[in-house]
Amino acid sequence: MSSCAKSRIHAAERRRRKETGRRHGLGARAGHLLGEHAVGVADLATATLWGTLAEHFPAIGELLDARAPNVAGLVRRLMAEPALANLARVSREQFGARYCGGDIEKSMKRAINHPVSDD
């Protein structure tokens, strides 16, 4: 598959995901991914995944802010909640600055700090 075709597919997927949140009332300051009145599993999974990645890889956090500001806002709101803030604190105490360790983490850092094109 050409890099142009891959780019079109990725762009369409990003638009679909953004539209799902917007359609359900997600905004940078309020709302949830699937329109629930309370935090749901999708919100928790999104917050812990992107919150952890953004904490360990600031470039990913910047990309999330730029490309998905409503999701970034959801992540910040939920990660500030006492239970998730405590989870993050305990994780930092137990694991330090490591994300996953070993060769996988080294590879991720290389890819994030020096992105390689898809061609």
PDB file of N, CA and C in Angstrom:
ATOM      1  N   MET A   1       0.850  -1.162   0.000  1.00  0.00           N
ATOM      2  CA  MET A   1       0.000   0.000   0.000  1.00  0.00           C
ATOM      3  C   MET A   1       0.903   1.234   0.000  1.00  0.00           C
ATOM      4  N   SER A   2       0.578   2.200  -0.839  1.00  0.00           N
ATOM      5  CA  SER A   2       1.394   3.408  -0.935  1.00  0.00           C
ATOM      6  C   SER A   2       1.229   4.266   0.318  1.00  0.00           C
ATOM      7  N   SER A   3       2.216   5.112   0.555  1.00  0.00           N
ATOM      8  CA  SER A   3       2.136   5.985   1.727  1.00  0.00           C
ATOM      9  C   SER A   3       0.978   6.967   1.590  1.00  0.00           C
ATOM     10  N   CYS A   4       0.643   7.349   0.367  1.00  0.00           N
ATOM     11  CA  CYS A   4      -0.494   8.257   0.142  1.00  0.00           C
ATOM     12  C   CYS A   4      -1.805   7.568   0.537  1.00  0.00           C
ATOM     13  N   ALA A   5      -1.964   6.312   0.146  1.00  0.00           N
ATOM     14  CA  ALA A   5      -3.174   5.558   0.512  1.00  0.00           C
ATOM     15  C   ALA A   5      -3.255   5.371   2.020  1.00  0.00           C
ATOM     16  N   LYS A   6      -2.126   5.075   2.647  1.00  0.00           N
ATOM     17  CA  LYS A   6      -2.103   4.923   4.102  1.00  0.00           C
ATOM     18  C   LYS A   6      -2.503   6.220   4.786  1.00  0.00           C
ATOM     19  N   SER A   7      -2.005   7.335   4.283  1.00  0.00           N
ATOM     20  CA  SER A   7      -2.341   8.639   4.865  1.00  0.00           C
ATOM     21  C   SER A   7      -3.832   8.914   4.770  1.00  0.00           C
ATOM     22  N   ARG A   8      -4.445   8.584   3.625  1.00  0.00           N
ATOM     23  CA  ARG A   8      -5.891   8.794   3.467  1.00  0.00           C
ATOM     24  C   ARG A   8      -6.680   7.931   4.437  1.00  0.00           C
ATOM     25  N   ILE A   9      -6.256   6.691   4.626  1.00  0.00           N
ATOM     26  CA  ILE A   9      -6.936   5.787   5.561  1.00  0.00           C
ATOM     27  C   ILE A   9      -6.817   6.318   6.986  1.00  0.00           C
ATOM     28  N   HIS A  10      -5.612   6.730   7.365  1.00  0.00           N
ATOM     29  CA  HIS A  10      -5.404   7.261   8.723  1.00  0.00           C
ATOM     30  C   HIS A  10      -6.227   8.526   8.945  1.00  0.00           C
ATOM     31  N   ALA A  11      -6.280   9.399   7.952  1.00  0.00           N
ATOM     32  CA  ALA A  11      -7.055  10.638   8.081  1.00  0.00           C
ATOM     33  C   ALA A  11      -8.536  10.328   8.246  1.00  0.00           C
ATOM     34  N   ALA A  12      -9.043   9.378   7.479  1.00  0.00           N
ATOM     35  CA  ALA A  12     -10.461   8.998   7.591  1.00  0.00           C
ATOM     36  C   ALA A  12     -10.756   8.419   8.971  1.00  0.00           C
ATOM     37  N   GLU A  13      -9.862   7.627   9.506  1.00  0.00           N
ATOM     38  CA  GLU A  13     -10.052   7.033  10.829  1.00  0.00           C
ATOM     39  C   GLU A  13     -10.041   8.113  11.904  1.00  0.00           C
ATOM     40  N   ARG A  14      -9.135   9.085  11.787  1.00  0.00           N
ATOM     41  CA  ARG A  14      -9.099  10.192  12.755  1.00  0.00           C
ATOM     42  C   ARG A  14     -10.405  10.977  12.733  1.00  0.00           C
ATOM     43  N   ARG A  15     -10.921  11.260  11.526  1.00  0.00           N
ATOM     44  CA  ARG A  15     -12.187  11.990  11.414  1.00  0.00           C
ATOM     45  C   ARG A  15     -13.329  11.209  12.048  1.00  0.00           C
ATOM     46  N   ARG A  16     -13.355   9.896  11.834  1.00  0.00           N
ATOM     47  CA  ARG A  16     -14.418   9.058  12.398  1.00  0.00           C
ATOM     48  C   ARG A  16     -14.383   9.087  13.914  1.00  0.00           C
ATOM     49  N   ARG A  17     -13.183   8.970  14.502  1.00  0.00           N
ATOM     50  CA  ARG A  17     -13.059   8.984  15.962  1.00  0.00           C
ATOM     51  C   ARG A  17     -13.458  10.331  16.538  1.00  0.00           C
ATOM     52  N   LYS A  18     -13.017  11.420  15.894  1.00  0.00           N
ATOM     53  CA  LYS A  18     -13.383  12.753  16.379  1.00  0.00           C
ATOM     54  C   LYS A  18     -14.892  12.940  16.320  1.00  0.00           C
ATOM     55  N   GLU A  19     -15.494  12.487  15.241  1.00  0.00           N
ATOM     56  CA  GLU A  19     -16.936  12.639  15.083  1.00  0.00           C
ATOM     57  C   GLU A  19     -17.696  11.856  16.149  1.00  0.00           C
ATOM     58  N   THR A  20     -17.221  10.681  16.521  1.00  0.00           N
ATOM     59  CA  THR A  20     -17.889   9.897  17.567  1.00  0.00           C
ATOM     60  C   THR A  20     -17.948  10.694  18.864  1.00  0.00           C
ATOM     61  N   GLY A  21     -16.851  11.269  19.278  1.00  0.00           N
ATOM     62  CA  GLY A  21     -16.843  12.067  20.496  1.00  0.00           C
ATOM     63  C   GLY A  21     -17.721  13.292  20.388  1.00  0.00           C
ATOM     64  N   ARG A  22     -17.605  14.016  19.277  1.00  0.00           N
ATOM     65  CA  ARG A  22     -18.426  15.223  19.088  1.00  0.00           C
ATOM     66  C   ARG A  22     -19.910  14.891  19.096  1.00  0.00           C
ATOM     67  N   ARG A  23     -20.270  13.826  18.395  1.00  0.00           N
ATOM     68  CA  ARG A  23     -21.677  13.419  18.307  1.00  0.00           C
ATOM     69  C   ARG A  23     -22.245  13.108  19.689  1.00  0.00           C
ATOM     70  N   HIS A  24     -21.400  12.651  20.590  1.00  0.00           N
ATOM     71  CA  HIS A  24     -21.838  12.298  21.942  1.00  0.00           C
ATOM     72  C   HIS A  24     -21.577  13.411  22.960  1.00  0.00           C
ATOM     73  N   GLY A  25     -21.230  14.609  22.484  1.00  0.00           N
ATOM     74  CA  GLY A  25     -21.092  15.747  23.385  1.00  0.00           C
ATOM     75  C   GLY A  25     -19.731  15.924  24.038  1.00  0.00           C
ATOM     76  N   LEU A  26     -18.707  15.246  23.552  1.00  0.00           N
ATOM     77  CA  LEU A  26     -17.375  15.406  24.130  1.00  0.00           C
ATOM     78  C   LEU A  26     -16.786  16.743  23.723  1.00  0.00           C
ATOM     79  N   GLY A  27     -16.323  17.478  24.700  1.00  0.00           N
ATOM     80  CA  GLY A  27     -15.608  18.724  24.464  1.00  0.00           C
ATOM     81  C   GLY A  27     -14.352  18.728  25.306  1.00  0.00           C
ATOM     82  N   ALA A  28     -13.523  19.720  25.116  1.00  0.00           N
ATOM     83  CA  ALA A  28     -12.268  19.792  25.874  1.00  0.00           C
ATOM     84  C   ALA A  28     -12.515  19.981  27.365  1.00  0.00           C
ATOM     85  N   ARG A  29     -13.652  20.614  27.717  1.00  0.00           N
ATOM     86  CA  ARG A  29     -13.911  20.914  29.128  1.00  0.00           C
ATOM     87  C   ARG A  29     -15.009  20.068  29.757  1.00  0.00           C
ATOM     88  N   ALA A  30     -15.751  19.322  28.953  1.00  0.00           N
ATOM     89  CA  ALA A  30     -16.866  18.539  29.505  1.00  0.00           C
ATOM     90  C   ALA A  30     -17.230  17.411  28.547  1.00  0.00           C
ATOM     91  N   GLY A  31     -17.987  16.451  29.067  1.00  0.00           N
ATOM     92  CA  GLY A  31     -18.489  15.368  28.239  1.00  0.00           C
ATOM     93  C   GLY A  31     -17.654  14.103  28.342  1.00  0.00           C
ATOM     94  N   HIS A  32     -18.206  13.056  27.736  1.00  0.00           N
ATOM     95  CA  HIS A  32     -17.567  11.738  27.738  1.00  0.00           C
ATOM     96  C   HIS A  32     -17.583  11.168  26.332  1.00  0.00           C
ATOM     97  N   LEU A  33     -16.727  10.221  26.074  1.00  0.00           N
ATOM     98  CA  LEU A  33     -16.568   9.682  24.721  1.00  0.00           C
ATOM     99  C   LEU A  33     -17.868   9.172  24.114  1.00  0.00           C
ATOM    100  N   LEU A  34     -18.653   8.456  24.892  1.00  0.00           N
ATOM    101  CA  LEU A  34     -19.850   7.829  24.342  1.00  0.00           C
ATOM    102  C   LEU A  34     -21.135   8.461  24.852  1.00  0.00           C
ATOM    103  N   GLY A  35     -21.028   9.684  25.386  1.00  0.00           N
ATOM    104  CA  GLY A  35     -22.210  10.437  25.770  1.00  0.00           C
ATOM    105  C   GLY A  35     -22.847  10.043  27.083  1.00  0.00           C
ATOM    106  N   GLU A  36     -22.183   9.220  27.866  1.00  0.00           N
ATOM    107  CA  GLU A  36     -22.730   8.826  29.166  1.00  0.00           C
ATOM    108  C   GLU A  36     -22.754  10.030  30.102  1.00  0.00           C
ATOM    109  N   HIS A  37     -23.594   9.961  31.117  1.00  0.00           N
ATOM    110  CA  HIS A  37     -23.645  11.035  32.110  1.00  0.00           C
ATOM    111  C   HIS A  37     -22.572  10.862  33.174  1.00  0.00           C
ATOM    112  N   ALA A  38     -21.981   9.689  33.230  1.00  0.00           N
ATOM    113  CA  ALA A  38     -20.906   9.403  34.178  1.00  0.00           C
ATOM    114  C   ALA A  38     -19.735   8.802  33.401  1.00  0.00           C
ATOM    115  N   VAL A  39     -18.588   8.753  34.038  1.00  0.00           N
ATOM    116  CA  VAL A  39     -17.398   8.174  33.416  1.00  0.00           C
ATOM    117  C   VAL A  39     -17.664   6.702  33.097  1.00  0.00           C
ATOM    118  N   GLY A  40     -17.329   6.308  31.876  1.00  0.00           N
ATOM    119  CA  GLY A  40     -17.509   4.922  31.452  1.00  0.00           C
ATOM    120  C   GLY A  40     -16.174   4.243  31.192  1.00  0.00           C
ATOM    121  N   VAL A  41     -16.244   2.984  30.833  1.00  0.00           N
ATOM    122  CA  VAL A  41     -15.028   2.196  30.572  1.00  0.00           C
ATOM    123  C   VAL A  41     -14.210   2.815  29.441  1.00  0.00           C
ATOM    124  N   ALA A  42     -14.878   3.286  28.393  1.00  0.00           N
ATOM    125  CA  ALA A  42     -14.152   3.899  27.272  1.00  0.00           C
ATOM    126  C   ALA A  42     -13.377   5.133  27.736  1.00  0.00           C
ATOM    127  N   ASP A  43     -13.981   5.921  28.615  1.00  0.00           N
ATOM    128  CA  ASP A  43     -13.312   7.111  29.141  1.00  0.00           C
ATOM    129  C   ASP A  43     -12.092   6.722  29.975  1.00  0.00           C
ATOM    130  N   LEU A  44     -12.268   5.732  30.848  1.00  0.00           N
ATOM    131  CA  LEU A  44     -11.160   5.293  31.708  1.00  0.00           C
ATOM    132  C   LEU A  44     -10.011   4.713  30.894  1.00  0.00           C
ATOM    133  N   ALA A  45     -10.343   3.875  29.919  1.00  0.00           N
ATOM    134  CA  ALA A  45      -9.301   3.275  29.083  1.00  0.00           C
ATOM    135  C   ALA A  45      -8.552   4.359  28.305  1.00  0.00           C
ATOM    136  N   THR A  46      -9.294   5.308  27.766  1.00  0.00           N
ATOM    137  CA  THR A  46      -8.687   6.404  27.004  1.00  0.00           C
ATOM    138  C   THR A  46      -7.791   7.252  27.899  1.00  0.00           C
ATOM    139  N   ALA A  47      -8.286   7.608  29.076  1.00  0.00           N
ATOM    140  CA  ALA A  47      -7.517   8.460  29.989  1.00  0.00           C
ATOM    141  C   ALA A  47      -6.235   7.785  30.455  1.00  0.00           C
ATOM    142  N   THR A  48      -6.325   6.523  30.842  1.00  0.00           N
ATOM    143  CA  THR A  48      -5.116   5.868  31.358  1.00  0.00           C
ATOM    144  C   THR A  48      -4.110   5.603  30.244  1.00  0.00           C
ATOM    145  N   LEU A  49      -4.584   5.231  29.056  1.00  0.00           N
ATOM    146  CA  LEU A  49      -3.660   4.992  27.941  1.00  0.00           C
ATOM    147  C   LEU A  49      -2.954   6.282  27.540  1.00  0.00           C
ATOM    148  N   TRP A  50      -3.744   7.290  27.141  1.00  0.00           N
ATOM    149  CA  TRP A  50      -3.154   8.527  26.638  1.00  0.00           C
ATOM    150  C   TRP A  50      -2.480   9.331  27.746  1.00  0.00           C
ATOM    151  N   GLY A  51      -3.014   9.286  28.967  1.00  0.00           N
ATOM    152  CA  GLY A  51      -2.387  10.001  30.069  1.00  0.00           C
ATOM    153  C   GLY A  51      -1.002   9.457  30.375  1.00  0.00           C
ATOM    154  N   THR A  52      -0.888   8.143  30.399  1.00  0.00           N
ATOM    155  CA  THR A  52       0.405   7.510  30.669  1.00  0.00           C
ATOM    156  C   THR A  52       1.379   7.773  29.534  1.00  0.00           C
ATOM    157  N   LEU A  53       0.910   7.626  28.289  1.00  0.00           N
ATOM    158  CA  LEU A  53       1.797   7.905  27.151  1.00  0.00           C
ATOM    159  C   LEU A  53       2.268   9.352  27.153  1.00  0.00           C
ATOM    160  N   ALA A  54       1.347  10.292  27.398  1.00  0.00           N
ATOM    161  CA  ALA A  54       1.704  11.711  27.401  1.00  0.00           C
ATOM    162  C   ALA A  54       2.679  12.041  28.527  1.00  0.00           C
ATOM    163  N   GLU A  55       2.526  11.382  29.662  1.00  0.00           N
ATOM    164  CA  GLU A  55       3.439  11.628  30.777  1.00  0.00           C
ATOM    165  C   GLU A  55       4.853  11.148  30.450  1.00  0.00           C
ATOM    166  N   HIS A  56       4.951   9.986  29.846  1.00  0.00           N
ATOM    167  CA  HIS A  56       6.271   9.405  29.561  1.00  0.00           C
ATOM    168  C   HIS A  56       6.880   9.894  28.256  1.00  0.00           C
ATOM    169  N   PHE A  57       6.034  10.314  27.328  1.00  0.00           N
ATOM    170  CA  PHE A  57       6.492  10.771  26.019  1.00  0.00           C
ATOM    171  C   PHE A  57       5.811  12.112  25.712  1.00  0.00           C
ATOM    172  N   PRO A  58       6.373  13.225  26.192  1.00  0.00           N
ATOM    173  CA  PRO A  58       5.734  14.532  26.023  1.00  0.00           C
ATOM    174  C   PRO A  58       5.382  14.866  24.572  1.00  0.00           C
ATOM    175  N   ALA A  59       6.151  14.373  23.613  1.00  0.00           N
ATOM    176  CA  ALA A  59       5.835  14.641  22.202  1.00  0.00           C
ATOM    177  C   ALA A  59       4.474  14.050  21.827  1.00  0.00           C
ATOM    178  N   ILE A  60       4.115  12.929  22.434  1.00  0.00           N
ATOM    179  CA  ILE A  60       2.804  12.342  22.177  1.00  0.00           C
ATOM    180  C   ILE A  60       1.719  13.211  22.805  1.00  0.00           C
ATOM    181  N   GLY A  61       1.975  13.746  23.983  1.00  0.00           N
ATOM    182  CA  GLY A  61       1.023  14.664  24.612  1.00  0.00           C
ATOM    183  C   GLY A  61       0.789  15.901  23.763  1.00  0.00           C
ATOM    184  N   GLU A  62       1.858  16.437  23.187  1.00  0.00           N
ATOM    185  CA  GLU A  62       1.730  17.603  22.310  1.00  0.00           C
ATOM    186  C   GLU A  62       0.916  17.257  21.069  1.00  0.00           C
ATOM    187  N   LEU A  63       1.173  16.096  20.509  1.00  0.00           N
ATOM    188  CA  LEU A  63       0.418  15.642  19.337  1.00  0.00           C
ATOM    189  C   LEU A  63      -1.059  15.459  19.677  1.00  0.00           C
ATOM    190  N   LEU A  64      -1.342  14.884  20.840  1.00  0.00           N
ATOM    191  CA  LEU A  64      -2.723  14.698  21.279  1.00  0.00           C
ATOM    192  C   LEU A  64      -3.413  16.054  21.436  1.00  0.00           C
ATOM    193  N   ASP A  65      -2.737  17.016  22.050  1.00  0.00           N
ATOM    194  CA  ASP A  65      -3.310  18.364  22.196  1.00  0.00           C
ATOM    195  C   ASP A  65      -3.626  18.985  20.836  1.00  0.00           C
ATOM    196  N   ALA A  66      -2.714  18.811  19.892  1.00  0.00           N
ATOM    197  CA  ALA A  66      -2.881  19.431  18.575  1.00  0.00           C
ATOM    198  C   ALA A  66      -3.923  18.725  17.714  1.00  0.00           C
ATOM    199  N   ARG A  67      -3.924  17.397  17.732  1.00  0.00           N
ATOM    200  CA  ARG A  67      -4.772  16.635  16.821  1.00  0.00           C
ATOM    201  C   ARG A  67      -6.106  16.212  17.414  1.00  0.00           C
ATOM    202  N   ALA A  68      -6.173  16.094  18.734  1.00  0.00           N
ATOM    203  CA  ALA A  68      -7.406  15.624  19.389  1.00  0.00           C
ATOM    204  C   ALA A  68      -7.621  16.390  20.688  1.00  0.00           C
ATOM    205  N   PRO A  69      -7.856  17.702  20.606  1.00  0.00           N
ATOM    206  CA  PRO A  69      -7.957  18.508  21.825  1.00  0.00           C
ATOM    207  C   PRO A  69      -9.094  18.093  22.753  1.00  0.00           C
ATOM    208  N   ASN A  70     -10.182  17.579  22.219  1.00  0.00           N
ATOM    209  CA  ASN A  70     -11.277  17.140  23.093  1.00  0.00           C
ATOM    210  C   ASN A  70     -10.877  15.900  23.887  1.00  0.00           C
ATOM    211  N   VAL A  71     -10.190  14.987  23.241  1.00  0.00           N
ATOM    212  CA  VAL A  71      -9.695  13.797  23.948  1.00  0.00           C
ATOM    213  C   VAL A  71      -8.630  14.213  24.960  1.00  0.00           C
ATOM    214  N   ALA A  72      -7.749  15.134  24.575  1.00  0.00           N
ATOM    215  CA  ALA A  72      -6.726  15.617  25.502  1.00  0.00           C
ATOM    216  C   ALA A  72      -7.372  16.242  26.737  1.00  0.00           C
ATOM    217  N   GLY A  73      -8.445  16.992  26.528  1.00  0.00           N
ATOM    218  CA  GLY A  73      -9.159  17.587  27.657  1.00  0.00           C
ATOM    219  C   GLY A  73      -9.776  16.531  28.553  1.00  0.00           C
ATOM    220  N   LEU A  74     -10.378  15.512  27.955  1.00  0.00           N
ATOM    221  CA  LEU A  74     -10.949  14.398  28.728  1.00  0.00           C
ATOM    222  C   LEU A  74      -9.856  13.729  29.558  1.00  0.00           C
ATOM    223  N   VAL A  75      -8.725  13.480  28.942  1.00  0.00           N
ATOM    224  CA  VAL A  75      -7.601  12.837  29.637  1.00  0.00           C
ATOM    225  C   VAL A  75      -7.168  13.684  30.833  1.00  0.00           C
ATOM    226  N   ARG A  76      -6.994  14.982  30.628  1.00  0.00           N
ATOM    227  CA  ARG A  76      -6.568  15.850  31.740  1.00  0.00           C
ATOM    228  C   ARG A  76      -7.603  15.860  32.863  1.00  0.00           C
ATOM    229  N   ARG A  77      -8.890  15.953  32.491  1.00  0.00           N
ATOM    230  CA  ARG A  77      -9.947  15.974  33.519  1.00  0.00           C
ATOM    231  C   ARG A  77      -9.948  14.695  34.332  1.00  0.00           C
ATOM    232  N   LEU A  78      -9.889  13.557  33.652  1.00  0.00           N
ATOM    233  CA  LEU A  78      -9.980  12.281  34.380  1.00  0.00           C
ATOM    234  C   LEU A  78      -8.706  11.982  35.159  1.00  0.00           C
ATOM    235  N   MET A  79      -7.554  12.304  34.601  1.00  0.00           N
ATOM    236  CA  MET A  79      -6.304  12.027  35.313  1.00  0.00           C
ATOM    237  C   MET A  79      -6.145  12.930  36.533  1.00  0.00           C
ATOM    238  N   ALA A  80      -6.924  14.011  36.622  1.00  0.00           N
ATOM    239  CA  ALA A  80      -6.910  14.882  37.803  1.00  0.00           C
ATOM    240  C   ALA A  80      -7.846  14.368  38.901  1.00  0.00           C
ATOM    241  N   GLU A  81      -8.707  13.413  38.564  1.00  0.00           N
ATOM    242  CA  GLU A  81      -9.598  12.826  39.571  1.00  0.00           C
ATOM    243  C   GLU A  81      -8.745  12.093  40.609  1.00  0.00           C
ATOM    244  N   PRO A  82      -9.143  12.115  41.887  1.00  0.00           N
ATOM    245  CA  PRO A  82      -8.314  11.524  42.948  1.00  0.00           C
ATOM    246  C   PRO A  82      -7.864  10.077  42.690  1.00  0.00           C
ATOM    247  N   ALA A  83      -8.760   9.220  42.230  1.00  0.00           N
ATOM    248  CA  ALA A  83      -8.383   7.808  42.048  1.00  0.00           C
ATOM    249  C   ALA A  83      -7.325   7.639  40.957  1.00  0.00           C
ATOM    250  N   LEU A  84      -7.490   8.328  39.831  1.00  0.00           N
ATOM    251  CA  LEU A  84      -6.511   8.195  38.749  1.00  0.00           C
ATOM    252  C   LEU A  84      -5.231   8.957  39.050  1.00  0.00           C
ATOM    253  N   ALA A  85      -5.337  10.088  39.732  1.00  0.00           N
ATOM    254  CA  ALA A  85      -4.128  10.811  40.152  1.00  0.00           C
ATOM    255  C   ALA A  85      -3.310   9.940  41.102  1.00  0.00           C
ATOM    256  N   ASN A  86      -3.993   9.230  41.998  1.00  0.00           N
ATOM    257  CA  ASN A  86      -3.301   8.328  42.920  1.00  0.00           C
ATOM    258  C   ASN A  86      -2.665   7.162  42.161  1.00  0.00           C
ATOM    259  N   LEU A  87      -3.380   6.604  41.195  1.00  0.00           N
ATOM    260  CA  LEU A  87      -2.826   5.516  40.377  1.00  0.00           C
ATOM    261  C   LEU A  87      -1.536   5.981  39.697  1.00  0.00           C
ATOM    262  N   ALA A  88      -1.553   7.176  39.118  1.00  0.00           N
ATOM    263  CA  ALA A  88      -0.361   7.704  38.455  1.00  0.00           C
ATOM    264  C   ALA A  88       0.778   7.903  39.458  1.00  0.00           C
ATOM    265  N   ARG A  89       0.445   8.430  40.633  1.00  0.00           N
ATOM    266  CA  ARG A  89       1.459   8.658  41.664  1.00  0.00           C
ATOM    267  C   ARG A  89       2.093   7.342  42.108  1.00  0.00           C
ATOM    268  N   VAL A  90       1.268   6.342  42.380  1.00  0.00           N
ATOM    269  CA  VAL A  90       1.774   5.037  42.818  1.00  0.00           C
ATOM    270  C   VAL A  90       2.631   4.406  41.721  1.00  0.00           C
ATOM    271  N   SER A  91       2.194   4.534  40.471  1.00  0.00           N
ATOM    272  CA  SER A  91       2.982   3.990  39.356  1.00  0.00           C
ATOM    273  C   SER A  91       4.343   4.658  39.262  1.00  0.00           C
ATOM    274  N   ARG A  92       4.376   5.993  39.404  1.00  0.00           N
ATOM    275  CA  ARG A  92       5.662   6.701  39.375  1.00  0.00           C
ATOM    276  C   ARG A  92       6.560   6.235  40.515  1.00  0.00           C
ATOM    277  N   GLU A  93       5.975   6.042  41.712  1.00  0.00           N
ATOM    278  CA  GLU A  93       6.769   5.594  42.863  1.00  0.00           C
ATOM    279  C   GLU A  93       7.330   4.190  42.632  1.00  0.00           C
ATOM    280  N   GLN A  94       6.517   3.310  42.061  1.00  0.00           N
ATOM    281  CA  GLN A  94       6.949   1.923  41.869  1.00  0.00           C
ATOM    282  C   GLN A  94       7.867   1.727  40.675  1.00  0.00           C
ATOM    283  N   PHE A  95       7.616   2.463  39.592  1.00  0.00           N
ATOM    284  CA  PHE A  95       8.324   2.189  38.337  1.00  0.00           C
ATOM    285  C   PHE A  95       9.205   3.338  37.865  1.00  0.00           C
ATOM    286  N   GLY A  96       9.144   4.476  38.529  1.00  0.00           N
ATOM    287  CA  GLY A  96       9.965   5.611  38.132  1.00  0.00           C
ATOM    288  C   GLY A  96       9.569   6.144  36.764  1.00  0.00           C
ATOM    289  N   ALA A  97      10.570   6.533  36.006  1.00  0.00           N
ATOM    290  CA  ALA A  97      10.337   7.158  34.705  1.00  0.00           C
ATOM    291  C   ALA A  97      10.124   6.143  33.586  1.00  0.00           C
ATOM    292  N   ARG A  98      10.239   4.874  33.895  1.00  0.00           N
ATOM    293  CA  ARG A  98      10.078   3.853  32.849  1.00  0.00           C
ATOM    294  C   ARG A  98       8.636   3.758  32.383  1.00  0.00           C
ATOM    295  N   TYR A  99       8.460   3.499  31.094  1.00  0.00           N
ATOM    296  CA  TYR A  99       7.123   3.255  30.552  1.00  0.00           C
ATOM    297  C   TYR A  99       6.886   1.749  30.489  1.00  0.00           C
ATOM    298  N   CYS A 100       7.754   1.046  29.778  1.00  0.00           N
ATOM    299  CA  CYS A 100       7.625  -0.409  29.699  1.00  0.00           C
ATOM    300  C   CYS A 100       8.975  -1.105  29.802  1.00  0.00           C
ATOM    301  N   GLY A 101      10.052  -0.355  29.683  1.00  0.00           N
ATOM    302  CA  GLY A 101      11.384  -0.897  29.875  1.00  0.00           C
ATOM    303  C   GLY A 101      11.936  -1.666  28.690  1.00  0.00           C
ATOM    304  N   GLY A 102      13.184  -2.018  28.793  1.00  0.00           N
ATOM    305  CA  GLY A 102      13.845  -2.864  27.815  1.00  0.00           C
ATOM    306  C   GLY A 102      13.905  -2.296  26.407  1.00  0.00           C
ATOM    307  N   ASP A 103      14.026  -3.230  25.456  1.00  0.00           N
ATOM    308  CA  ASP A 103      14.172  -2.853  24.054  1.00  0.00           C
ATOM    309  C   ASP A 103      12.920  -2.175  23.500  1.00  0.00           C
ATOM    310  N   ILE A 104      11.752  -2.539  24.009  1.00  0.00           N
ATOM    311  CA  ILE A 104      10.516  -1.926  23.517  1.00  0.00           C
ATOM    312  C   ILE A 104      10.522  -0.437  23.833  1.00  0.00           C
ATOM    313  N   GLU A 105      10.857  -0.094  25.060  1.00  0.00           N
ATOM    314  CA  GLU A 105      10.886   1.322  25.422  1.00  0.00           C
ATOM    315  C   GLU A 105      11.957   2.064  24.641  1.00  0.00           C
ATOM    316  N   LYS A 106      13.129   1.469  24.480  1.00  0.00           N
ATOM    317  CA  LYS A 106      14.194   2.111  23.698  1.00  0.00           C
ATOM    318  C   LYS A 106      13.725   2.375  22.277  1.00  0.00           C
ATOM    319  N   SER A 107      13.059   1.399  21.691  1.00  0.00           N
ATOM    320  CA  SER A 107      12.549   1.541  20.333  1.00  0.00           C
ATOM    321  C   SER A 107      11.500   2.642  20.249  1.00  0.00           C
ATOM    322  N   MET A 108      10.600   2.680  21.228  1.00  0.00           N
ATOM    323  CA  MET A 108       9.575   3.728  21.243  1.00  0.00           C
ATOM    324  C   MET A 108      10.205   5.109  21.342  1.00  0.00           C
ATOM    325  N   LYS A 109      11.190   5.253  22.208  1.00  0.00           N
ATOM    326  CA  LYS A 109      11.852   6.549  22.368  1.00  0.00           C
ATOM    327  C   LYS A 109      12.548   6.970  21.081  1.00  0.00           C
ATOM    328  N   ARG A 110      13.206   6.018  20.411  1.00  0.00           N
ATOM    329  CA  ARG A 110      13.851   6.341  19.134  1.00  0.00           C
ATOM    330  C   ARG A 110      12.813   6.783  18.107  1.00  0.00           C
ATOM    331  N   ALA A 111      11.711   6.054  18.012  1.00  0.00           N
ATOM    332  CA  ALA A 111      10.683   6.371  17.016  1.00  0.00           C
ATOM    333  C   ALA A 111      10.013   7.697  17.317  1.00  0.00           C
ATOM    334  N   ILE A 112       9.763   7.981  18.568  1.00  0.00           N
ATOM    335  CA  ILE A 112       9.071   9.226  18.938  1.00  0.00           C
ATOM    336  C   ILE A 112      10.000  10.424  18.818  1.00  0.00           C
ATOM    337  N   ASN A 113      11.246  10.249  19.198  1.00  0.00           N
ATOM    338  CA  ASN A 113      12.187  11.356  19.126  1.00  0.00           C
ATOM    339  C   ASN A 113      12.743  11.581  17.730  1.00  0.00           C
ATOM    340  N   HIS A 114      12.723  10.533  16.916  1.00  0.00           N
ATOM    341  CA  HIS A 114      13.230  10.616  15.535  1.00  0.00           C
ATOM    342  C   HIS A 114      12.280   9.844  14.635  1.00  0.00           C
ATOM    343  N   PRO A 115      11.095  10.406  14.345  1.00  0.00           N
ATOM    344  CA  PRO A 115      10.105   9.676  13.545  1.00  0.00           C
ATOM    345  C   PRO A 115      10.659   9.272  12.176  1.00  0.00           C
ATOM    346  N   VAL A 116      10.232   8.114  11.730  1.00  0.00           N
ATOM    347  CA  VAL A 116      10.625   7.574  10.441  1.00  0.00           C
ATOM    348  C   VAL A 116       9.396   7.604   9.543  1.00  0.00           C
ATOM    349  N   SER A 117       9.566   7.954   8.284  1.00  0.00           N
ATOM    350  CA  SER A 117       8.418   8.006   7.380  1.00  0.00           C
ATOM    351  C   SER A 117       7.928   6.590   7.076  1.00  0.00           C
ATOM    352  N   ASP A 118       6.670   6.501   6.627  1.00  0.00           N
ATOM    353  CA  ASP A 118       6.048   5.196   6.341  1.00  0.00           C
ATOM    354  C   ASP A 118       6.383   4.655   4.952  1.00  0.00           C
ATOM    355  N   ASP A 119       7.135   5.385   4.132  1.00  0.00           N
ATOM    356  CA  ASP A 119       7.328   4.922   2.746  1.00  0.00           C
ATOM    357  C   ASP A 119       8.035   3.616   2.688  1.00  0.00           C
TER     358      ASP A 119
END
